[in-house]
C-alpha cells in the first residue's frame, strides 16, 4: 500500500496535465491499481491535505467537483520533476551553457527563494547575485516555470555556447568538465 505522500504526488502530477480535472477522474487515475475503500479514503485525505496546504483548489459546478493546481502547486510539481528518476535530463555536456537571470523584488521574496532552491536542485551555480548558470539542459523546465508563474520580465533564460576564456575556465572548474 502506498503512503498518503505518494497519493499526493500522483494527484499533483495528474493535475499538471490539465487545467482542471474532476475529482472522480482523479480518483480513477490514482487508484487504477487498487480500488479498495482504504485507497479511496487515502485519496480523499490526500486531496484534503493538498487543498489545506494551498497546493490545489477545488471548484464546484452543477455536475461535478473539480480540482486544479494553485501557483504554489505548480511550483511543487516542478520540484517533483527534479526529484523524479524518469525525468532526469542528459547530464552529458552538449557545449551550451544555460544562464538564468532572476530579478524578483523584495515583496516576492518567498517566490525568489523557491526559485533559487529549484535552481540549486537542478545543478545551477550562482555566478553573481541573480545570475545562475548550468551546463545541464533544464531550460525547458525553467521556461515552463517562467510561464506558469507569469515571470515575463523577472526571469530571463539564455542558452549560449559563447563564453569568454576566463569565465569558461571558472565554469569548467565549477562543474568538473
N, C-alpha and C. Protein backbone atom coordinates (compact mmCIF):
# COMPACT_ATOMS: atom_id res chain seq x y z
N UNK A 1 0.84 -1.18 0.00
CA UNK A 1 0.00 0.00 0.00
C UNK A 1 0.88 1.25 0.00
N UNK A 2 0.53 2.25 -0.79
CA UNK A 2 1.29 3.49 -0.87
C UNK A 2 0.93 4.42 0.27
N UNK A 3 1.85 5.30 0.59
CA UNK A 3 1.59 6.28 1.63
C UNK A 3 0.78 7.44 1.05
N UNK A 4 0.25 8.29 1.97
CA UNK A 4 -0.53 9.44 1.55
C UNK A 4 0.31 10.38 0.70
N UNK A 5 1.61 10.48 1.03
CA UNK A 5 2.51 11.34 0.27
C UNK A 5 2.60 10.87 -1.18
N UNK A 6 2.63 9.55 -1.40
CA UNK A 6 2.65 9.01 -2.76
C UNK A 6 1.39 9.39 -3.52
N UNK A 7 0.24 9.31 -2.84
CA UNK A 7 -1.02 9.69 -3.47
C UNK A 7 -1.01 11.18 -3.80
N UNK A 8 -0.51 11.98 -2.89
CA UNK A 8 -0.45 13.43 -3.12
C UNK A 8 0.42 13.74 -4.34
N UNK A 9 1.57 13.10 -4.44
CA UNK A 9 2.45 13.31 -5.60
C UNK A 9 1.76 12.89 -6.89
N UNK A 10 1.08 11.74 -6.86
CA UNK A 10 0.36 11.27 -8.05
C UNK A 10 -0.72 12.28 -8.46
N UNK A 11 -1.46 12.78 -7.47
CA UNK A 11 -2.53 13.75 -7.74
C UNK A 11 -1.95 15.01 -8.37
N UNK A 12 -0.85 15.52 -7.81
CA UNK A 12 -0.23 16.73 -8.35
C UNK A 12 0.22 16.51 -9.80
N UNK A 13 0.81 15.34 -10.07
CA UNK A 13 1.28 15.06 -11.43
C UNK A 13 0.10 14.93 -12.40
N UNK A 14 -1.01 14.37 -11.96
CA UNK A 14 -2.21 14.27 -12.80
C UNK A 14 -2.76 15.66 -13.10
N UNK A 15 -2.82 16.51 -12.07
CA UNK A 15 -3.35 17.86 -12.25
C UNK A 15 -2.44 18.73 -13.12
N UNK A 16 -1.17 18.37 -13.21
CA UNK A 16 -0.24 19.12 -14.05
C UNK A 16 -0.53 18.93 -15.53
N UNK A 17 -1.31 17.89 -15.87
CA UNK A 17 -1.58 17.58 -17.27
C UNK A 17 -2.74 18.38 -17.87
N UNK A 18 -3.62 18.91 -17.01
CA UNK A 18 -4.79 19.65 -17.50
C UNK A 18 -5.05 20.85 -16.59
N UNK A 19 -5.85 21.80 -17.07
CA UNK A 19 -6.20 22.98 -16.27
C UNK A 19 -6.98 22.58 -15.03
N UNK A 20 -8.01 21.75 -15.21
CA UNK A 20 -8.81 21.26 -14.07
C UNK A 20 -9.31 19.87 -14.41
N UNK A 21 -9.42 19.03 -13.38
CA UNK A 21 -9.85 17.65 -13.57
C UNK A 21 -10.88 17.33 -12.50
N UNK A 22 -11.91 16.57 -12.88
CA UNK A 22 -12.95 16.22 -11.92
C UNK A 22 -12.39 15.29 -10.85
N UNK A 23 -12.92 15.41 -9.64
CA UNK A 23 -12.44 14.57 -8.54
C UNK A 23 -12.62 13.07 -8.84
N UNK A 24 -13.77 12.65 -9.42
CA UNK A 24 -13.89 11.22 -9.76
C UNK A 24 -12.81 10.75 -10.75
N UNK A 25 -12.48 11.61 -11.73
CA UNK A 25 -11.45 11.26 -12.71
C UNK A 25 -10.09 11.12 -12.03
N UNK A 26 -9.79 12.04 -11.10
CA UNK A 26 -8.53 11.96 -10.34
C UNK A 26 -8.48 10.64 -9.57
N UNK A 27 -9.57 10.35 -8.86
CA UNK A 27 -9.63 9.11 -8.06
C UNK A 27 -9.42 7.88 -8.95
N UNK A 28 -10.04 7.88 -10.14
CA UNK A 28 -9.88 6.74 -11.06
C UNK A 28 -8.43 6.59 -11.51
N UNK A 29 -7.79 7.70 -11.85
CA UNK A 29 -6.40 7.64 -12.33
C UNK A 29 -5.44 7.21 -11.24
N UNK A 30 -5.67 7.69 -10.02
CA UNK A 30 -4.77 7.36 -8.91
C UNK A 30 -4.94 5.92 -8.47
N UNK A 31 -6.19 5.44 -8.45
CA UNK A 31 -6.46 4.11 -7.90
C UNK A 31 -6.57 3.02 -8.95
N UNK A 32 -5.96 3.20 -10.10
CA UNK A 32 -6.02 2.18 -11.15
C UNK A 32 -5.58 0.81 -10.66
N UNK A 33 -4.57 0.79 -9.80
CA UNK A 33 -4.03 -0.48 -9.33
C UNK A 33 -4.85 -1.08 -8.18
N UNK A 34 -5.48 -0.23 -7.40
CA UNK A 34 -6.15 -0.70 -6.19
C UNK A 34 -7.39 0.16 -5.94
N UNK A 35 -8.54 -0.44 -5.99
CA UNK A 35 -9.77 0.34 -5.80
C UNK A 35 -10.44 0.01 -4.47
N UNK A 36 -9.68 -0.34 -3.46
CA UNK A 36 -10.25 -0.66 -2.15
C UNK A 36 -10.76 0.58 -1.45
N UNK A 37 -11.55 0.38 -0.40
CA UNK A 37 -12.07 1.50 0.39
C UNK A 37 -10.92 2.26 1.05
N UNK A 38 -9.89 1.54 1.45
CA UNK A 38 -8.73 2.17 2.08
C UNK A 38 -8.06 3.15 1.11
N UNK A 39 -7.95 2.74 -0.16
CA UNK A 39 -7.36 3.60 -1.18
C UNK A 39 -8.23 4.83 -1.40
N UNK A 40 -9.54 4.65 -1.50
CA UNK A 40 -10.47 5.77 -1.69
C UNK A 40 -10.33 6.77 -0.54
N UNK A 41 -10.22 6.26 0.68
CA UNK A 41 -10.06 7.13 1.84
C UNK A 41 -8.73 7.88 1.77
N UNK A 42 -7.65 7.19 1.39
CA UNK A 42 -6.34 7.82 1.30
C UNK A 42 -6.33 8.93 0.23
N UNK A 43 -7.02 8.70 -0.87
CA UNK A 43 -7.11 9.72 -1.93
C UNK A 43 -7.87 10.93 -1.42
N UNK A 44 -9.00 10.69 -0.73
CA UNK A 44 -9.80 11.79 -0.16
C UNK A 44 -8.96 12.60 0.83
N UNK A 45 -8.22 11.91 1.70
CA UNK A 45 -7.36 12.60 2.68
C UNK A 45 -6.25 13.38 1.97
N UNK A 46 -5.68 12.80 0.92
CA UNK A 46 -4.62 13.49 0.18
C UNK A 46 -5.16 14.76 -0.48
N UNK A 47 -6.35 14.66 -1.09
CA UNK A 47 -6.97 15.84 -1.70
C UNK A 47 -7.22 16.93 -0.66
N UNK A 48 -7.70 16.51 0.50
CA UNK A 48 -7.96 17.48 1.58
C UNK A 48 -6.65 18.14 2.03
N UNK A 49 -5.61 17.33 2.20
CA UNK A 49 -4.31 17.85 2.62
C UNK A 49 -3.71 18.81 1.60
N UNK A 50 -3.85 18.48 0.32
CA UNK A 50 -3.33 19.34 -0.74
C UNK A 50 -4.10 20.67 -0.79
N UNK A 51 -5.40 20.60 -0.55
CA UNK A 51 -6.22 21.81 -0.53
C UNK A 51 -5.83 22.68 0.67
N UNK A 52 -5.74 22.05 1.84
CA UNK A 52 -5.37 22.80 3.06
C UNK A 52 -3.96 23.35 2.96
N UNK A 53 -3.08 22.67 2.22
CA UNK A 53 -1.70 23.12 2.05
C UNK A 53 -1.57 24.20 0.97
N UNK A 54 -2.67 24.53 0.32
CA UNK A 54 -2.65 25.58 -0.69
C UNK A 54 -2.06 25.15 -2.02
N UNK A 55 -1.93 23.84 -2.24
CA UNK A 55 -1.34 23.36 -3.49
C UNK A 55 -2.38 23.14 -4.59
N UNK A 56 -3.63 22.85 -4.17
CA UNK A 56 -4.72 22.73 -5.14
C UNK A 56 -5.92 23.51 -4.61
N UNK A 57 -6.82 23.82 -5.53
CA UNK A 57 -8.09 24.41 -5.13
C UNK A 57 -9.20 23.60 -5.76
N UNK A 58 -10.31 23.48 -5.03
CA UNK A 58 -11.43 22.71 -5.54
C UNK A 58 -12.52 23.67 -5.99
N UNK A 59 -13.12 23.34 -7.13
CA UNK A 59 -14.12 24.17 -7.75
C UNK A 59 -15.39 23.34 -7.92
N UNK A 60 -16.53 23.90 -7.57
CA UNK A 60 -17.79 23.20 -7.72
C UNK A 60 -18.52 23.67 -8.97
N UNK A 61 -19.12 22.71 -9.66
CA UNK A 61 -20.01 23.03 -10.77
C UNK A 61 -21.28 22.21 -10.53
N UNK A 62 -22.35 22.51 -11.23
CA UNK A 62 -23.59 21.75 -11.01
C UNK A 62 -23.41 20.25 -11.24
N UNK A 63 -22.49 19.86 -12.12
CA UNK A 63 -22.33 18.45 -12.46
C UNK A 63 -21.29 17.71 -11.63
N UNK A 64 -20.26 18.42 -11.19
CA UNK A 64 -19.18 17.71 -10.52
C UNK A 64 -18.31 18.67 -9.71
N UNK A 65 -17.38 18.07 -8.96
CA UNK A 65 -16.36 18.83 -8.24
C UNK A 65 -15.06 18.68 -9.02
N UNK A 66 -14.34 19.78 -9.14
CA UNK A 66 -13.09 19.76 -9.89
C UNK A 66 -11.95 20.23 -8.99
N UNK A 67 -10.74 19.89 -9.40
CA UNK A 67 -9.55 20.37 -8.69
C UNK A 67 -8.59 20.92 -9.73
N UNK A 68 -7.81 21.93 -9.30
CA UNK A 68 -6.77 22.46 -10.17
C UNK A 68 -5.62 22.92 -9.30
N UNK A 69 -4.45 22.99 -9.93
CA UNK A 69 -3.25 23.43 -9.21
C UNK A 69 -3.30 24.93 -8.94
N UNK A 70 -2.80 25.33 -7.79
CA UNK A 70 -2.59 26.74 -7.49
C UNK A 70 -1.17 27.08 -7.94
N UNK A 71 -0.79 28.33 -7.80
CA UNK A 71 0.57 28.75 -8.15
C UNK A 71 1.59 27.96 -7.32
N UNK A 72 1.31 27.79 -6.03
CA UNK A 72 2.20 27.01 -5.16
C UNK A 72 2.24 25.55 -5.59
N UNK A 73 1.10 25.02 -6.03
CA UNK A 73 1.03 23.64 -6.51
C UNK A 73 1.89 23.43 -7.74
N UNK A 74 1.89 24.43 -8.64
CA UNK A 74 2.73 24.33 -9.85
C UNK A 74 4.20 24.30 -9.48
N UNK A 75 4.58 25.11 -8.48
CA UNK A 75 5.98 25.11 -8.02
C UNK A 75 6.34 23.72 -7.49
N UNK A 76 5.43 23.14 -6.71
CA UNK A 76 5.66 21.83 -6.11
C UNK A 76 5.83 20.77 -7.20
N UNK A 77 4.98 20.82 -8.24
CA UNK A 77 5.09 19.85 -9.34
C UNK A 77 6.45 19.97 -10.02
N UNK A 78 6.90 21.20 -10.23
CA UNK A 78 8.21 21.38 -10.87
C UNK A 78 9.32 20.81 -9.99
N UNK A 79 9.20 20.96 -8.68
CA UNK A 79 10.24 20.41 -7.82
C UNK A 79 10.17 18.88 -7.82
N UNK A 80 8.96 18.31 -7.92
CA UNK A 80 8.83 16.85 -8.01
C UNK A 80 9.52 16.33 -9.27
N UNK A 81 9.42 17.09 -10.37
CA UNK A 81 10.07 16.68 -11.61
C UNK A 81 11.58 16.61 -11.44
N UNK A 82 12.13 17.48 -10.62
CA UNK A 82 13.58 17.46 -10.40
C UNK A 82 14.01 16.22 -9.62
N UNK A 83 13.11 15.68 -8.76
CA UNK A 83 13.45 14.51 -7.96
C UNK A 83 13.20 13.20 -8.70
N UNK A 84 12.41 13.23 -9.75
CA UNK A 84 11.98 12.02 -10.43
C UNK A 84 13.10 11.40 -11.23
N UNK A 85 13.24 10.09 -11.11
CA UNK A 85 14.25 9.37 -11.89
C UNK A 85 13.87 9.32 -13.36
N UNK A 86 12.57 9.37 -13.65
CA UNK A 86 12.13 9.22 -15.04
C UNK A 86 12.26 10.51 -15.84
N UNK A 87 12.46 11.64 -15.19
CA UNK A 87 12.56 12.89 -15.95
C UNK A 87 13.96 13.48 -15.87
N UNK A 88 14.94 12.69 -15.46
CA UNK A 88 16.30 13.22 -15.43
C UNK A 88 16.75 13.54 -16.84
N UNK A 89 17.41 14.66 -16.98
CA UNK A 89 17.89 15.06 -18.30
C UNK A 89 19.29 14.51 -18.51
N UNK A 90 19.70 14.52 -19.74
CA UNK A 90 21.03 14.06 -20.09
C UNK A 90 22.06 14.99 -19.42
N UNK A 91 22.98 14.43 -18.66
CA UNK A 91 23.97 15.25 -17.98
C UNK A 91 25.30 15.29 -18.73
N UNK A 92 25.30 14.80 -19.96
CA UNK A 92 26.48 14.93 -20.80
C UNK A 92 26.44 16.32 -21.41
N UNK A 93 27.52 17.07 -21.28
CA UNK A 93 27.53 18.45 -21.73
C UNK A 93 27.43 18.51 -23.25
N UNK A 94 26.50 19.32 -23.75
CA UNK A 94 26.29 19.47 -25.19
C UNK A 94 26.98 20.72 -25.77
N UNK A 95 27.80 21.38 -24.94
CA UNK A 95 28.53 22.55 -25.41
C UNK A 95 27.81 23.87 -25.18
N UNK A 96 26.59 23.80 -24.63
CA UNK A 96 25.82 25.01 -24.37
C UNK A 96 25.71 25.28 -22.87
N UNK A 97 25.73 26.55 -22.52
CA UNK A 97 25.53 26.99 -21.13
C UNK A 97 24.13 27.55 -21.00
N UNK A 98 23.47 27.22 -19.92
CA UNK A 98 22.14 27.76 -19.64
C UNK A 98 22.31 28.82 -18.56
N UNK A 99 21.93 30.04 -18.87
CA UNK A 99 22.06 31.14 -17.92
C UNK A 99 20.66 31.63 -17.59
N UNK A 100 20.37 31.72 -16.31
CA UNK A 100 19.07 32.23 -15.87
C UNK A 100 19.32 33.47 -15.02
N UNK A 101 18.68 34.56 -15.42
CA UNK A 101 18.76 35.81 -14.69
C UNK A 101 17.45 36.01 -13.95
N UNK A 102 17.53 36.22 -12.64
CA UNK A 102 16.34 36.43 -11.81
C UNK A 102 16.33 37.85 -11.28
N UNK A 103 15.18 38.47 -11.31
CA UNK A 103 15.04 39.80 -10.74
C UNK A 103 13.66 39.93 -10.12
N UNK A 104 13.51 39.34 -8.94
CA UNK A 104 12.25 39.43 -8.22
C UNK A 104 12.39 40.42 -7.07
N UNK A 105 11.44 41.34 -6.93
CA UNK A 105 11.52 42.35 -5.87
C UNK A 105 11.36 41.74 -4.47
N UNK A 106 11.69 42.53 -3.47
CA UNK A 106 11.65 42.08 -2.07
C UNK A 106 10.26 41.56 -1.67
N UNK A 107 9.20 42.17 -2.21
CA UNK A 107 7.85 41.74 -1.83
C UNK A 107 7.49 40.36 -2.40
N UNK A 108 8.38 39.79 -3.22
CA UNK A 108 8.17 38.43 -3.76
C UNK A 108 9.31 37.52 -3.31
N UNK A 109 9.79 37.78 -2.09
CA UNK A 109 10.94 37.06 -1.55
C UNK A 109 10.73 35.54 -1.50
N UNK A 110 9.52 35.11 -1.10
CA UNK A 110 9.29 33.66 -0.99
C UNK A 110 9.38 32.98 -2.36
N UNK A 111 8.87 33.65 -3.41
CA UNK A 111 8.99 33.10 -4.76
C UNK A 111 10.46 33.03 -5.18
N UNK A 112 11.19 34.09 -4.87
CA UNK A 112 12.61 34.16 -5.21
C UNK A 112 13.37 33.01 -4.53
N UNK A 113 13.09 32.80 -3.25
CA UNK A 113 13.75 31.71 -2.50
C UNK A 113 13.39 30.35 -3.09
N UNK A 114 12.13 30.16 -3.48
CA UNK A 114 11.71 28.89 -4.09
C UNK A 114 12.43 28.65 -5.40
N UNK A 115 12.55 29.70 -6.21
CA UNK A 115 13.25 29.57 -7.49
C UNK A 115 14.73 29.26 -7.28
N UNK A 116 15.35 29.91 -6.31
CA UNK A 116 16.76 29.63 -6.01
C UNK A 116 16.94 28.17 -5.60
N UNK A 117 16.02 27.68 -4.79
CA UNK A 117 16.06 26.29 -4.34
C UNK A 117 15.99 25.36 -5.56
N UNK A 118 15.04 25.63 -6.47
CA UNK A 118 14.90 24.80 -7.67
C UNK A 118 16.15 24.86 -8.55
N UNK A 119 16.71 26.06 -8.68
CA UNK A 119 17.93 26.21 -9.48
C UNK A 119 19.07 25.37 -8.90
N UNK A 120 19.22 25.42 -7.58
CA UNK A 120 20.27 24.62 -6.93
C UNK A 120 20.03 23.13 -7.15
N UNK A 121 18.77 22.70 -7.00
CA UNK A 121 18.43 21.29 -7.18
C UNK A 121 18.70 20.84 -8.62
N UNK A 122 18.57 21.76 -9.57
CA UNK A 122 18.80 21.43 -10.98
C UNK A 122 20.28 21.52 -11.35
N UNK A 123 21.13 21.82 -10.38
CA UNK A 123 22.56 21.84 -10.64
C UNK A 123 23.10 23.17 -11.13
N UNK A 124 22.32 24.24 -10.99
CA UNK A 124 22.80 25.56 -11.38
C UNK A 124 23.73 26.11 -10.30
N UNK A 125 24.68 26.93 -10.72
CA UNK A 125 25.62 27.59 -9.81
C UNK A 125 25.34 29.08 -9.90
N UNK A 126 25.31 29.74 -8.74
CA UNK A 126 25.08 31.18 -8.72
C UNK A 126 26.39 31.89 -9.07
N UNK A 127 26.39 32.62 -10.18
CA UNK A 127 27.58 33.36 -10.62
C UNK A 127 27.69 34.68 -9.89
N UNK A 128 26.67 35.48 -10.01
CA UNK A 128 26.55 36.78 -9.35
C UNK A 128 25.15 36.84 -8.77
N UNK A 129 24.90 37.76 -7.86
CA UNK A 129 23.63 37.83 -7.11
C UNK A 129 22.43 37.12 -7.74
N UNK A 130 22.07 37.49 -8.95
CA UNK A 130 20.86 36.89 -9.53
C UNK A 130 21.12 36.23 -10.88
N UNK A 131 22.35 35.85 -11.13
CA UNK A 131 22.71 35.16 -12.37
C UNK A 131 23.13 33.72 -12.04
N UNK A 132 22.45 32.76 -12.66
CA UNK A 132 22.70 31.34 -12.43
C UNK A 132 23.11 30.69 -13.74
N UNK A 133 23.97 29.68 -13.67
CA UNK A 133 24.45 29.03 -14.89
C UNK A 133 24.57 27.51 -14.68
N UNK A 134 24.34 26.79 -15.77
CA UNK A 134 24.44 25.33 -15.72
C UNK A 134 24.74 24.78 -17.11
N UNK A 135 25.47 23.66 -17.17
CA UNK A 135 25.66 23.00 -18.47
C UNK A 135 24.54 22.01 -18.77
N UNK A 136 23.62 21.82 -17.83
CA UNK A 136 22.57 20.81 -17.97
C UNK A 136 21.33 21.38 -18.64
N UNK A 137 20.73 20.64 -19.56
CA UNK A 137 19.61 21.15 -20.36
C UNK A 137 18.27 21.19 -19.61
N UNK A 138 18.19 22.05 -18.60
CA UNK A 138 16.95 22.24 -17.85
C UNK A 138 16.19 23.48 -18.32
N UNK A 139 16.60 24.06 -19.46
CA UNK A 139 15.96 25.31 -19.87
C UNK A 139 14.46 25.15 -20.13
N UNK A 140 14.03 23.96 -20.59
CA UNK A 140 12.60 23.76 -20.86
C UNK A 140 11.80 23.75 -19.56
N UNK A 141 12.33 23.12 -18.54
CA UNK A 141 11.68 23.12 -17.24
C UNK A 141 11.51 24.55 -16.72
N UNK A 142 12.59 25.34 -16.81
CA UNK A 142 12.52 26.70 -16.29
C UNK A 142 11.69 27.61 -17.19
N UNK A 143 11.62 27.29 -18.48
CA UNK A 143 10.71 28.03 -19.37
C UNK A 143 9.27 27.80 -18.93
N UNK A 144 8.94 26.56 -18.57
CA UNK A 144 7.59 26.26 -18.07
C UNK A 144 7.32 26.95 -16.74
N UNK A 145 8.30 26.94 -15.85
CA UNK A 145 8.14 27.62 -14.56
C UNK A 145 7.90 29.11 -14.81
N UNK A 146 8.68 29.69 -15.70
CA UNK A 146 8.54 31.12 -16.04
C UNK A 146 7.13 31.41 -16.52
N UNK A 147 6.62 30.56 -17.43
CA UNK A 147 5.28 30.74 -17.97
C UNK A 147 4.22 30.54 -16.89
N UNK A 148 4.33 29.45 -16.13
CA UNK A 148 3.34 29.13 -15.09
C UNK A 148 3.24 30.21 -14.03
N UNK A 149 4.37 30.81 -13.67
CA UNK A 149 4.38 31.81 -12.60
C UNK A 149 4.26 33.24 -13.14
N UNK A 150 4.13 33.38 -14.44
CA UNK A 150 3.96 34.70 -15.04
C UNK A 150 5.17 35.61 -14.86
N UNK A 151 6.36 35.05 -14.96
CA UNK A 151 7.59 35.81 -14.75
C UNK A 151 8.11 36.35 -16.09
N UNK A 152 7.31 37.17 -16.77
CA UNK A 152 7.64 37.62 -18.12
C UNK A 152 8.93 38.42 -18.16
N UNK A 153 9.13 39.35 -17.23
CA UNK A 153 10.35 40.16 -17.24
C UNK A 153 11.26 39.86 -16.06
N UNK A 154 10.76 39.13 -15.07
CA UNK A 154 11.54 38.85 -13.86
C UNK A 154 12.53 37.70 -14.02
N UNK A 155 12.35 36.88 -15.06
CA UNK A 155 13.25 35.76 -15.31
C UNK A 155 13.63 35.76 -16.78
N UNK A 156 14.92 35.70 -17.04
CA UNK A 156 15.41 35.58 -18.42
C UNK A 156 16.22 34.30 -18.53
N UNK A 157 16.01 33.58 -19.62
CA UNK A 157 16.71 32.32 -19.85
C UNK A 157 17.53 32.47 -21.12
N UNK A 158 18.81 32.24 -21.00
CA UNK A 158 19.73 32.38 -22.13
C UNK A 158 20.47 31.06 -22.31
N UNK A 159 20.52 30.58 -23.54
CA UNK A 159 21.30 29.39 -23.87
C UNK A 159 22.36 29.83 -24.86
N UNK A 160 23.62 29.62 -24.50
CA UNK A 160 24.72 30.08 -25.36
C UNK A 160 25.90 29.13 -25.30
N UNK A 161 26.69 29.17 -26.35
CA UNK A 161 27.95 28.42 -26.32
C UNK A 161 29.13 29.38 -26.26
N UNK A 162 28.85 30.68 -26.36
CA UNK A 162 29.90 31.69 -26.37
C UNK A 162 30.12 32.26 -24.97
N UNK A 163 31.28 31.94 -24.40
CA UNK A 163 31.66 32.43 -23.07
C UNK A 163 33.14 32.78 -23.14
N UNK A 164 33.53 33.91 -22.54
CA UNK A 164 34.94 34.30 -22.61
C UNK A 164 35.83 33.25 -21.91
N UNK A 165 37.08 33.23 -22.26
CA UNK A 165 38.01 32.18 -21.80
C UNK A 165 38.16 32.12 -20.28
N UNK A 166 38.27 33.27 -19.62
CA UNK A 166 38.41 33.29 -18.15
C UNK A 166 37.18 32.69 -17.49
N UNK A 167 36.01 33.09 -17.96
CA UNK A 167 34.75 32.57 -17.41
C UNK A 167 34.65 31.08 -17.69
N UNK A 168 35.01 30.68 -18.90
CA UNK A 168 34.95 29.26 -19.27
C UNK A 168 35.82 28.43 -18.34
N UNK A 169 37.01 28.91 -18.03
CA UNK A 169 37.91 28.20 -17.12
C UNK A 169 37.25 28.04 -15.74
N UNK A 170 36.67 29.13 -15.23
CA UNK A 170 35.98 29.10 -13.94
C UNK A 170 34.83 28.09 -13.97
N UNK A 171 34.05 28.10 -15.06
CA UNK A 171 32.90 27.19 -15.17
C UNK A 171 33.33 25.74 -15.25
N UNK A 172 34.37 25.46 -16.02
CA UNK A 172 34.85 24.09 -16.11
C UNK A 172 35.30 23.58 -14.74
N UNK A 173 35.94 24.45 -13.96
CA UNK A 173 36.34 24.08 -12.59
C UNK A 173 35.12 23.85 -11.72
N UNK A 174 34.12 24.71 -11.84
CA UNK A 174 32.90 24.60 -11.02
C UNK A 174 32.12 23.33 -11.29
N UNK A 175 32.06 22.93 -12.57
CA UNK A 175 31.26 21.78 -12.95
C UNK A 175 32.09 20.53 -13.21
N UNK A 176 33.40 20.62 -13.03
CA UNK A 176 34.25 19.46 -13.21
C UNK A 176 34.27 18.95 -14.65
N UNK A 177 34.20 19.86 -15.57
CA UNK A 177 34.18 19.48 -17.00
C UNK A 177 35.59 19.39 -17.54
